[in-house]
């Protein structure tokens, strides 16, 4: 069953009156529960594709379908609701709120969803334990390592159990060991919660661990390879300090 469909997707940016192509006629179907990476060099269009899928940007032409919804037919309010309920985001720069603790950062999405305080705290604390940060819930982002901050970002992205998590270069600011641990964690969550993960990356480690690898060059898909799952469903989570 498909959860994301891109049909003849085109995106141009106007820079000083000049039209610059970023995505050129991409056709792509992502199934429910996939663990997929879109790989390519900087400027290839991979982040633009994630932004279009997340409704953070609108295409110049073509169609973006998410969970059966044509994003071009949704109002801004409906787009915001779709992002809030159905899509989790993990950004390269973490995007945590500095004045909130780890627990409060994870709670924030549930607060926006109108979840009651006690349930928010229970669910958020449980999710932080699941990502190996149960003892760090009262720490502020400045008191956490880069790997810990990215784990908080992952917990925030999945605490509401969205259908899709879009992760834009999630390992770019992490050392290799921390990055591997983070991808192991996300693969575990993909397996146990059947959340669809879609990455943009140029990290070879992420490419190797993805179950499907899509290469994009100059805004076009150059290859699409389906691989065999490599990580055990029971793979243990390692606590990362």
C-alpha atoms as a PDB file:
ATOM      1  CA  UNK A   1       0.000   0.000   0.000  1.00  0.00           C
ATOM      2  CA  UNK A   2       1.464   3.357  -1.015  1.00  0.00           C
ATOM      3  CA  UNK A   3       1.676   6.187   1.490  1.00  0.00           C
ATOM      4  CA  UNK A   4       3.586   8.708  -0.665  1.00  0.00           C
ATOM      5  CA  UNK A   5       3.148   9.238  -4.393  1.00  0.00           C
ATOM      6  CA  UNK A   6       4.952  11.785  -6.541  1.00  0.00           C
ATOM      7  CA  UNK A   7       3.743  12.216 -10.104  1.00  0.00           C
ATOM      8  CA  UNK A   8       5.790  14.227 -12.614  1.00  0.00           C
ATOM      9  CA  UNK A   9       7.037  16.413  -9.760  1.00  0.00           C
ATOM     10  CA  UNK A  10       8.712  19.631 -10.862  1.00  0.00           C
ATOM     11  CA  UNK A  11      10.099  22.445  -8.738  1.00  0.00           C
ATOM     12  CA  UNK A  12      11.779  25.622  -9.924  1.00  0.00           C
ATOM     13  CA  UNK A  13      13.092  28.467  -7.781  1.00  0.00           C
ATOM     14  CA  UNK A  14      13.127  32.026  -9.041  1.00  0.00           C
ATOM     15  CA  UNK A  15      16.448  33.683  -8.205  1.00  0.00           C
ATOM     16  CA  UNK A  16      16.889  37.247  -9.403  1.00  0.00           C
ATOM     17  CA  UNK A  17      14.428  36.635 -12.211  1.00  0.00           C
ATOM     18  CA  UNK A  18      16.136  33.425 -13.317  1.00  0.00           C
ATOM     19  CA  UNK A  19      14.268  30.108 -13.048  1.00  0.00           C
ATOM     20  CA  UNK A  20      16.514  27.487 -11.412  1.00  0.00           C
ATOM     21  CA  UNK A  21      15.327  23.853 -11.680  1.00  0.00           C
ATOM     22  CA  UNK A  22      15.610  21.857  -8.443  1.00  0.00           C
ATOM     23  CA  UNK A  23      13.378  18.838  -9.215  1.00  0.00           C
ATOM     24  CA  UNK A  24      12.766  17.711 -12.782  1.00  0.00           C
ATOM     25  CA  UNK A  25       9.885  15.323 -13.432  1.00  0.00           C
ATOM     26  CA  UNK A  26      10.246  12.930 -10.496  1.00  0.00           C
ATOM     27  CA  UNK A  27       7.890   9.953 -10.283  1.00  0.00           C
ATOM     28  CA  UNK A  28       8.079   7.963  -7.063  1.00  0.00           C
ATOM     29  CA  UNK A  29       5.911   5.684  -4.910  1.00  0.00           C
ATOM     30  CA  UNK A  30       6.806   4.934  -1.277  1.00  0.00           C
ATOM     31  CA  UNK A  31       4.982   2.087   0.473  1.00  0.00           C
ATOM     32  CA  UNK A  32       3.764   2.000   4.058  1.00  0.00           C
ATOM     33  CA  UNK A  33       6.543   0.916   6.439  1.00  0.00           C
ATOM     34  CA  UNK A  34       9.472   1.506   4.070  1.00  0.00           C
ATOM     35  CA  UNK A  35      12.927   2.499   5.314  1.00  0.00           C
ATOM     36  CA  UNK A  36      14.171   4.466   2.328  1.00  0.00           C
ATOM     37  CA  UNK A  37      17.023   6.869   1.621  1.00  0.00           C
ATOM     38  CA  UNK A  38      17.178   9.457  -1.140  1.00  0.00           C
ATOM     39  CA  UNK A  39      20.875   9.992  -1.805  1.00  0.00           C
ATOM     40  CA  UNK A  40      22.735  12.529  -3.849  1.00  0.00           C
ATOM     41  CA  UNK A  41      25.273  15.339  -3.683  1.00  0.00           C
ATOM     42  CA  UNK A  42      24.483  18.778  -2.298  1.00  0.00           C
ATOM     43  CA  UNK A  43      22.143  20.623  -4.635  1.00  0.00           C
ATOM     44  CA  UNK A  44      20.789  17.446  -6.236  1.00  0.00           C
ATOM     45  CA  UNK A  45      17.220  18.151  -5.083  1.00  0.00           C
ATOM     46  CA  UNK A  46      16.845  15.564  -2.314  1.00  0.00           C
ATOM     47  CA  UNK A  47      16.003  18.054   0.463  1.00  0.00           C
ATOM     48  CA  UNK A  48      13.581  19.831  -1.871  1.00  0.00           C
ATOM     49  CA  UNK A  49      11.763  16.532  -2.413  1.00  0.00           C
ATOM     50  CA  UNK A  50      11.412  16.008   1.342  1.00  0.00           C
ATOM     51  CA  UNK A  51      10.126  19.561   1.778  1.00  0.00           C
ATOM     52  CA  UNK A  52       7.547  19.007  -0.964  1.00  0.00           C
ATOM     53  CA  UNK A  53       6.388  15.734   0.621  1.00  0.00           C
ATOM     54  CA  UNK A  54       6.124  17.450   4.002  1.00  0.00           C
ATOM     55  CA  UNK A  55       4.083  20.313   2.564  1.00  0.00           C
ATOM     56  CA  UNK A  56       6.780  22.795   3.588  1.00  0.00           C
ATOM     57  CA  UNK A  57       7.039  23.867  -0.046  1.00  0.00           C
ATOM     58  CA  UNK A  58       4.727  23.607  -3.042  1.00  0.00           C
ATOM     59  CA  UNK A  59       5.651  22.156  -6.466  1.00  0.00           C
ATOM     60  CA  UNK A  60       5.827  24.215  -9.626  1.00  0.00           C
ATOM     61  CA  UNK A  61       4.055  21.360 -11.375  1.00  0.00           C
ATOM     62  CA  UNK A  62       3.040  17.781 -10.727  1.00  0.00           C
ATOM     63  CA  UNK A  63       1.307  16.059  -7.834  1.00  0.00           C
ATOM     64  CA  UNK A  64       2.290  15.168  -4.256  1.00  0.00           C
ATOM     65  CA  UNK A  65       0.019  12.585  -2.613  1.00  0.00           C
ATOM     66  CA  UNK A  66       0.489  11.825   1.109  1.00  0.00           C
ATOM     67  CA  UNK A  67      -1.789   9.276   2.740  1.00  0.00           C
ATOM     68  CA  UNK A  68      -4.225   9.624  -0.139  1.00  0.00           C
ATOM     69  CA  UNK A  69      -4.303  13.441   0.127  1.00  0.00           C
ATOM     70  CA  UNK A  70      -3.348  15.628  -2.830  1.00  0.00           C
ATOM     71  CA  UNK A  71      -1.414  18.378  -1.049  1.00  0.00           C
ATOM     72  CA  UNK A  72      -2.261  20.951  -3.709  1.00  0.00           C
ATOM     73  CA  UNK A  73      -5.948  20.604  -2.763  1.00  0.00           C
ATOM     74  CA  UNK A  74      -5.406  21.309   0.940  1.00  0.00           C
ATOM     75  CA  UNK A  75      -5.701  24.685   2.629  1.00  0.00           C
ATOM     76  CA  UNK A  76      -2.857  25.957   4.819  1.00  0.00           C
ATOM     77  CA  UNK A  77      -4.854  24.923   7.878  1.00  0.00           C
ATOM     78  CA  UNK A  78      -5.364  21.434   6.458  1.00  0.00           C
ATOM     79  CA  UNK A  79      -1.671  21.168   5.577  1.00  0.00           C
ATOM     80  CA  UNK A  80      -0.713  22.151   9.117  1.00  0.00           C
ATOM     81  CA  UNK A  81      -3.096  19.539  10.501  1.00  0.00           C
ATOM     82  CA  UNK A  82      -1.667  16.864   8.197  1.00  0.00           C
ATOM     83  CA  UNK A  83       1.879  17.678   9.336  1.00  0.00           C
ATOM     84  CA  UNK A  84       0.818  17.693  12.975  1.00  0.00           C
ATOM     85  CA  UNK A  85      -1.045  14.374  12.854  1.00  0.00           C
ATOM     86  CA  UNK A  86       0.633  12.338  10.133  1.00  0.00           C
ATOM     87  CA  UNK A  87       4.238  13.496   9.606  1.00  0.00           C
ATOM     88  CA  UNK A  88       7.241  13.690  11.930  1.00  0.00           C
ATOM     89  CA  UNK A  89      10.294  15.747  10.990  1.00  0.00           C
ATOM     90  CA  UNK A  90      13.937  15.208  11.944  1.00  0.00           C
ATOM     91  CA  UNK A  91      16.207  18.041  10.833  1.00  0.00           C
ATOM     92  CA  UNK A  92      19.970  18.199  10.433  1.00  0.00           C
ATOM     93  CA  UNK A  93      20.160  21.076  12.934  1.00  0.00           C
ATOM     94  CA  UNK A  94      17.920  19.273  15.516  1.00  0.00           C
ATOM     95  CA  UNK A  95      15.562  22.310  15.821  1.00  0.00           C
ATOM     96  CA  UNK A  96      14.967  21.792  19.536  1.00  0.00           C
ATOM     97  CA  UNK A  97      13.499  24.655  21.576  1.00  0.00           C
ATOM     98  CA  UNK A  98      16.421  25.787  23.766  1.00  0.00           C
ATOM     99  CA  UNK A  99      14.333  26.986  26.743  1.00  0.00           C
ATOM    100  CA  UNK A 100      12.499  23.653  27.046  1.00  0.00           C
ATOM    101  CA  UNK A 101      13.826  20.463  28.625  1.00  0.00           C
ATOM    102  CA  UNK A 102      14.138  17.233  26.664  1.00  0.00           C
ATOM    103  CA  UNK A 103      10.786  16.113  28.082  1.00  0.00           C
ATOM    104  CA  UNK A 104       9.100  19.420  27.234  1.00  0.00           C
ATOM    105  CA  UNK A 105      10.506  19.367  23.682  1.00  0.00           C
ATOM    106  CA  UNK A 106       9.008  15.936  23.095  1.00  0.00           C
ATOM    107  CA  UNK A 107       5.735  16.959  24.770  1.00  0.00           C
ATOM    108  CA  UNK A 108       5.343  19.972  22.506  1.00  0.00           C
ATOM    109  CA  UNK A 109       3.812  18.064  19.591  1.00  0.00           C
ATOM    110  CA  UNK A 110       1.292  16.413  21.923  1.00  0.00           C
ATOM    111  CA  UNK A 111       0.472  19.809  23.415  1.00  0.00           C
ATOM    112  CA  UNK A 112      -0.349  21.106  19.924  1.00  0.00           C
ATOM    113  CA  UNK A 113      -2.553  18.048  19.413  1.00  0.00           C
ATOM    114  CA  UNK A 114      -4.542  18.888  22.530  1.00  0.00           C
ATOM    115  CA  UNK A 115      -3.415  15.866  24.551  1.00  0.00           C
ATOM    116  CA  UNK A 116      -3.972  16.291  28.294  1.00  0.00           C
ATOM    117  CA  UNK A 117      -0.990  17.100  30.496  1.00  0.00           C
ATOM    118  CA  UNK A 118      -0.694  13.820  32.381  1.00  0.00           C
ATOM    119  CA  UNK A 119      -0.908  11.721  29.215  1.00  0.00           C
ATOM    120  CA  UNK A 120       1.613  14.009  27.474  1.00  0.00           C
ATOM    121  CA  UNK A 121       4.161  13.506  30.214  1.00  0.00           C
ATOM    122  CA  UNK A 122       3.668   9.746  30.412  1.00  0.00           C
ATOM    123  CA  UNK A 123       3.985   9.255  26.645  1.00  0.00           C
ATOM    124  CA  UNK A 124       6.933  11.643  26.290  1.00  0.00           C
ATOM    125  CA  UNK A 125       8.887  10.125  29.169  1.00  0.00           C
ATOM    126  CA  UNK A 126       8.246   6.627  27.778  1.00  0.00           C
ATOM    127  CA  UNK A 127       9.496   7.697  24.353  1.00  0.00           C
ATOM    128  CA  UNK A 128      12.658   9.232  25.799  1.00  0.00           C
ATOM    129  CA  UNK A 129      13.311   5.980  27.631  1.00  0.00           C
ATOM    130  CA  UNK A 130      12.829   4.104  24.371  1.00  0.00           C
ATOM    131  CA  UNK A 131      15.508   6.220  22.649  1.00  0.00           C
ATOM    132  CA  UNK A 132      17.899   5.715  25.559  1.00  0.00           C
ATOM    133  CA  UNK A 133      17.458   9.075  27.295  1.00  0.00           C
ATOM    134  CA  UNK A 134      15.341   8.150  30.306  1.00  0.00           C
ATOM    135  CA  UNK A 135      17.844   9.723  32.700  1.00  0.00           C
ATOM    136  CA  UNK A 136      18.156  12.952  30.685  1.00  0.00           C
ATOM    137  CA  UNK A 137      14.524  14.090  30.567  1.00  0.00           C
ATOM    138  CA  UNK A 138      15.076  17.225  32.670  1.00  0.00           C
ATOM    139  CA  UNK A 139      18.138  18.426  30.780  1.00  0.00           C
ATOM    140  CA  UNK A 140      18.065  21.366  28.386  1.00  0.00           C
ATOM    141  CA  UNK A 141      19.412  20.998  24.823  1.00  0.00           C
ATOM    142  CA  UNK A 142      22.622  22.881  25.727  1.00  0.00           C
ATOM    143  CA  UNK A 143      23.320  20.214  28.356  1.00  0.00           C
ATOM    144  CA  UNK A 144      23.099  17.351  25.844  1.00  0.00           C
ATOM    145  CA  UNK A 145      25.586  16.059  23.288  1.00  0.00           C
ATOM    146  CA  UNK A 146      24.810  16.303  19.573  1.00  0.00           C
ATOM    147  CA  UNK A 147      23.793  12.648  19.474  1.00  0.00           C
ATOM    148  CA  UNK A 148      21.513  13.070  22.472  1.00  0.00           C
ATOM    149  CA  UNK A 149      19.895  16.158  20.946  1.00  0.00           C
ATOM    150  CA  UNK A 150      19.215  14.259  17.735  1.00  0.00           C
ATOM    151  CA  UNK A 151      17.669  11.430  19.774  1.00  0.00           C
ATOM    152  CA  UNK A 152      15.378  13.963  21.448  1.00  0.00           C
ATOM    153  CA  UNK A 153      14.449  15.158  17.949  1.00  0.00           C
ATOM    154  CA  UNK A 154      13.658  11.571  16.933  1.00  0.00           C
ATOM    155  CA  UNK A 155      11.553  11.071  20.079  1.00  0.00           C
ATOM    156  CA  UNK A 156       9.655  14.285  19.314  1.00  0.00           C
ATOM    157  CA  UNK A 157       9.084  13.163  15.714  1.00  0.00           C
ATOM    158  CA  UNK A 158       7.588   9.805  16.664  1.00  0.00           C
ATOM    159  CA  UNK A 159       5.878  10.389  20.036  1.00  0.00           C
ATOM    160  CA  UNK A 160       2.543  10.972  18.308  1.00  0.00           C
ATOM    161  CA  UNK A 161       3.094   7.814  16.215  1.00  0.00           C
ATOM    162  CA  UNK A 162       2.891   9.508  12.800  1.00  0.00           C
ATOM    163  CA  UNK A 163       2.570   7.555   9.583  1.00  0.00           C
ATOM    164  CA  UNK A 164       5.744   9.087   8.123  1.00  0.00           C
ATOM    165  CA  UNK A 165       9.030  10.446   9.447  1.00  0.00           C
ATOM    166  CA  UNK A 166      11.011  12.692   7.081  1.00  0.00           C
ATOM    167  CA  UNK A 167      14.675  12.920   8.140  1.00  0.00           C
ATOM    168  CA  UNK A 168      16.840  15.488   6.357  1.00  0.00           C
ATOM    169  CA  UNK A 169      20.545  14.590   6.683  1.00  0.00           C
ATOM    170  CA  UNK A 170      20.006  13.346  10.269  1.00  0.00           C
ATOM    171  CA  UNK A 171      23.616  12.147  10.706  1.00  0.00           C
ATOM    172  CA  UNK A 172      25.369  15.126   9.126  1.00  0.00           C
ATOM    173  CA  UNK A 173      26.476  16.689  12.426  1.00  0.00           C
ATOM    174  CA  UNK A 174      27.282  13.428  14.213  1.00  0.00           C
ATOM    175  CA  UNK A 175      30.401  11.271  14.447  1.00  0.00           C
ATOM    176  CA  UNK A 176      30.261   7.854  12.790  1.00  0.00           C
ATOM    177  CA  UNK A 177      29.557   5.821  15.925  1.00  0.00           C
ATOM    178  CA  UNK A 178      26.768   8.143  17.083  1.00  0.00           C
ATOM    179  CA  UNK A 179      25.309   8.237  13.581  1.00  0.00           C
ATOM    180  CA  UNK A 180      25.248   4.448  13.351  1.00  0.00           C
ATOM    181  CA  UNK A 181      23.535   4.207  16.734  1.00  0.00           C
ATOM    182  CA  UNK A 182      20.907   6.722  15.628  1.00  0.00           C
ATOM    183  CA  UNK A 183      20.132   4.859  12.394  1.00  0.00           C
ATOM    184  CA  UNK A 184      19.922   1.573  14.331  1.00  0.00           C
ATOM    185  CA  UNK A 185      17.417   3.274  16.620  1.00  0.00           C
ATOM    186  CA  UNK A 186      15.285   4.578  13.754  1.00  0.00           C
ATOM    187  CA  UNK A 187      15.366   1.177  12.037  1.00  0.00           C
ATOM    188  CA  UNK A 188      14.190  -0.432  15.268  1.00  0.00           C
ATOM    189  CA  UNK A 189      11.305   2.049  15.468  1.00  0.00           C
ATOM    190  CA  UNK A 190      10.493   1.425  11.813  1.00  0.00           C
ATOM    191  CA  UNK A 191      10.244  -2.303  12.519  1.00  0.00           C
ATOM    192  CA  UNK A 192       8.336  -2.147  15.799  1.00  0.00           C
ATOM    193  CA  UNK A 193       5.939   0.701  14.974  1.00  0.00           C
ATOM    194  CA  UNK A 194       5.703   0.312  11.160  1.00  0.00           C
ATOM    195  CA  UNK A 195       6.479   4.008  10.683  1.00  0.00           C
ATOM    196  CA  UNK A 196       7.629   4.935   7.181  1.00  0.00           C
ATOM    197  CA  UNK A 197      11.073   6.553   7.286  1.00  0.00           C
ATOM    198  CA  UNK A 198      12.336   8.605   4.359  1.00  0.00           C
ATOM    199  CA  UNK A 199      15.825  10.113   4.556  1.00  0.00           C
ATOM    200  CA  UNK A 200      17.761  12.570   2.467  1.00  0.00           C
ATOM    201  CA  UNK A 201      21.467  11.866   2.779  1.00  0.00           C
ATOM    202  CA  UNK A 202      24.907  11.769   1.267  1.00  0.00           C
ATOM    203  CA  UNK A 203      26.215   9.643   4.170  1.00  0.00           C
ATOM    204  CA  UNK A 204      27.401   6.237   2.883  1.00  0.00           C
ATOM    205  CA  UNK A 205      26.534   4.624   6.217  1.00  0.00           C
ATOM    206  CA  UNK A 206      22.871   5.666   5.883  1.00  0.00           C
ATOM    207  CA  UNK A 207      22.863   4.500   2.257  1.00  0.00           C
ATOM    208  CA  UNK A 208      24.200   1.082   3.278  1.00  0.00           C
ATOM    209  CA  UNK A 209      21.591   0.627   6.008  1.00  0.00           C
ATOM    210  CA  UNK A 210      18.604   1.791   3.976  1.00  0.00           C
ATOM    211  CA  UNK A 211      16.344  -0.967   2.670  1.00  0.00           C
ATOM    212  CA  UNK A 212      15.651   1.007  -0.476  1.00  0.00           C
ATOM    213  CA  UNK A 213      18.141   3.430  -1.989  1.00  0.00           C
ATOM    214  CA  UNK A 214      17.126   6.087  -4.481  1.00  0.00           C
ATOM    215  CA  UNK A 215      19.882   8.126  -6.150  1.00  0.00           C
ATOM    216  CA  UNK A 216      19.032  11.561  -7.454  1.00  0.00           C
ATOM    217  CA  UNK A 217      21.262  13.696  -9.663  1.00  0.00           C
ATOM    218  CA  UNK A 218      20.388  17.169 -10.955  1.00  0.00           C
ATOM    219  CA  UNK A 219      16.791  16.803  -9.810  1.00  0.00           C
ATOM    220  CA  UNK A 220      16.184  13.465 -11.534  1.00  0.00           C
ATOM    221  CA  UNK A 221      16.101   9.901 -10.215  1.00  0.00           C
ATOM    222  CA  UNK A 222      19.104   8.038 -11.636  1.00  0.00           C
ATOM    223  CA  UNK A 223      18.564   4.700  -9.844  1.00  0.00           C
ATOM    224  CA  UNK A 224      16.130   3.020  -7.448  1.00  0.00           C
ATOM    225  CA  UNK A 225      17.380  -0.112  -5.693  1.00  0.00           C
ATOM    226  CA  UNK A 226      15.344  -2.311  -3.343  1.00  0.00           C
ATOM    227  CA  UNK A 227      17.545  -4.136  -0.829  1.00  0.00           C
ATOM    228  CA  UNK A 228      17.096  -6.894   1.733  1.00  0.00           C
ATOM    229  CA  UNK A 229      16.490  -5.959   5.348  1.00  0.00           C
ATOM    230  CA  UNK A 230      19.738  -6.259   7.286  1.00  0.00           C
ATOM    231  CA  UNK A 231      18.979  -5.320  10.875  1.00  0.00           C
ATOM    232  CA  UNK A 232      17.304  -7.797  13.206  1.00  0.00           C
ATOM    233  CA  UNK A 233      13.889  -6.910  14.589  1.00  0.00           C
ATOM    234  CA  UNK A 234      15.223  -7.592  18.049  1.00  0.00           C
ATOM    235  CA  UNK A 235      18.352  -5.485  17.658  1.00  0.00           C
ATOM    236  CA  UNK A 236      19.085  -3.934  21.059  1.00  0.00           C
ATOM    237  CA  UNK A 237      19.151  -0.186  21.518  1.00  0.00           C
ATOM    238  CA  UNK A 238      22.381   1.202  22.841  1.00  0.00           C
ATOM    239  CA  UNK A 239      22.210   4.108  25.241  1.00  0.00           C
ATOM    240  CA  UNK A 240      24.202   6.988  23.785  1.00  0.00           C
ATOM    241  CA  UNK A 241      25.846   9.505  26.068  1.00  0.00           C
END
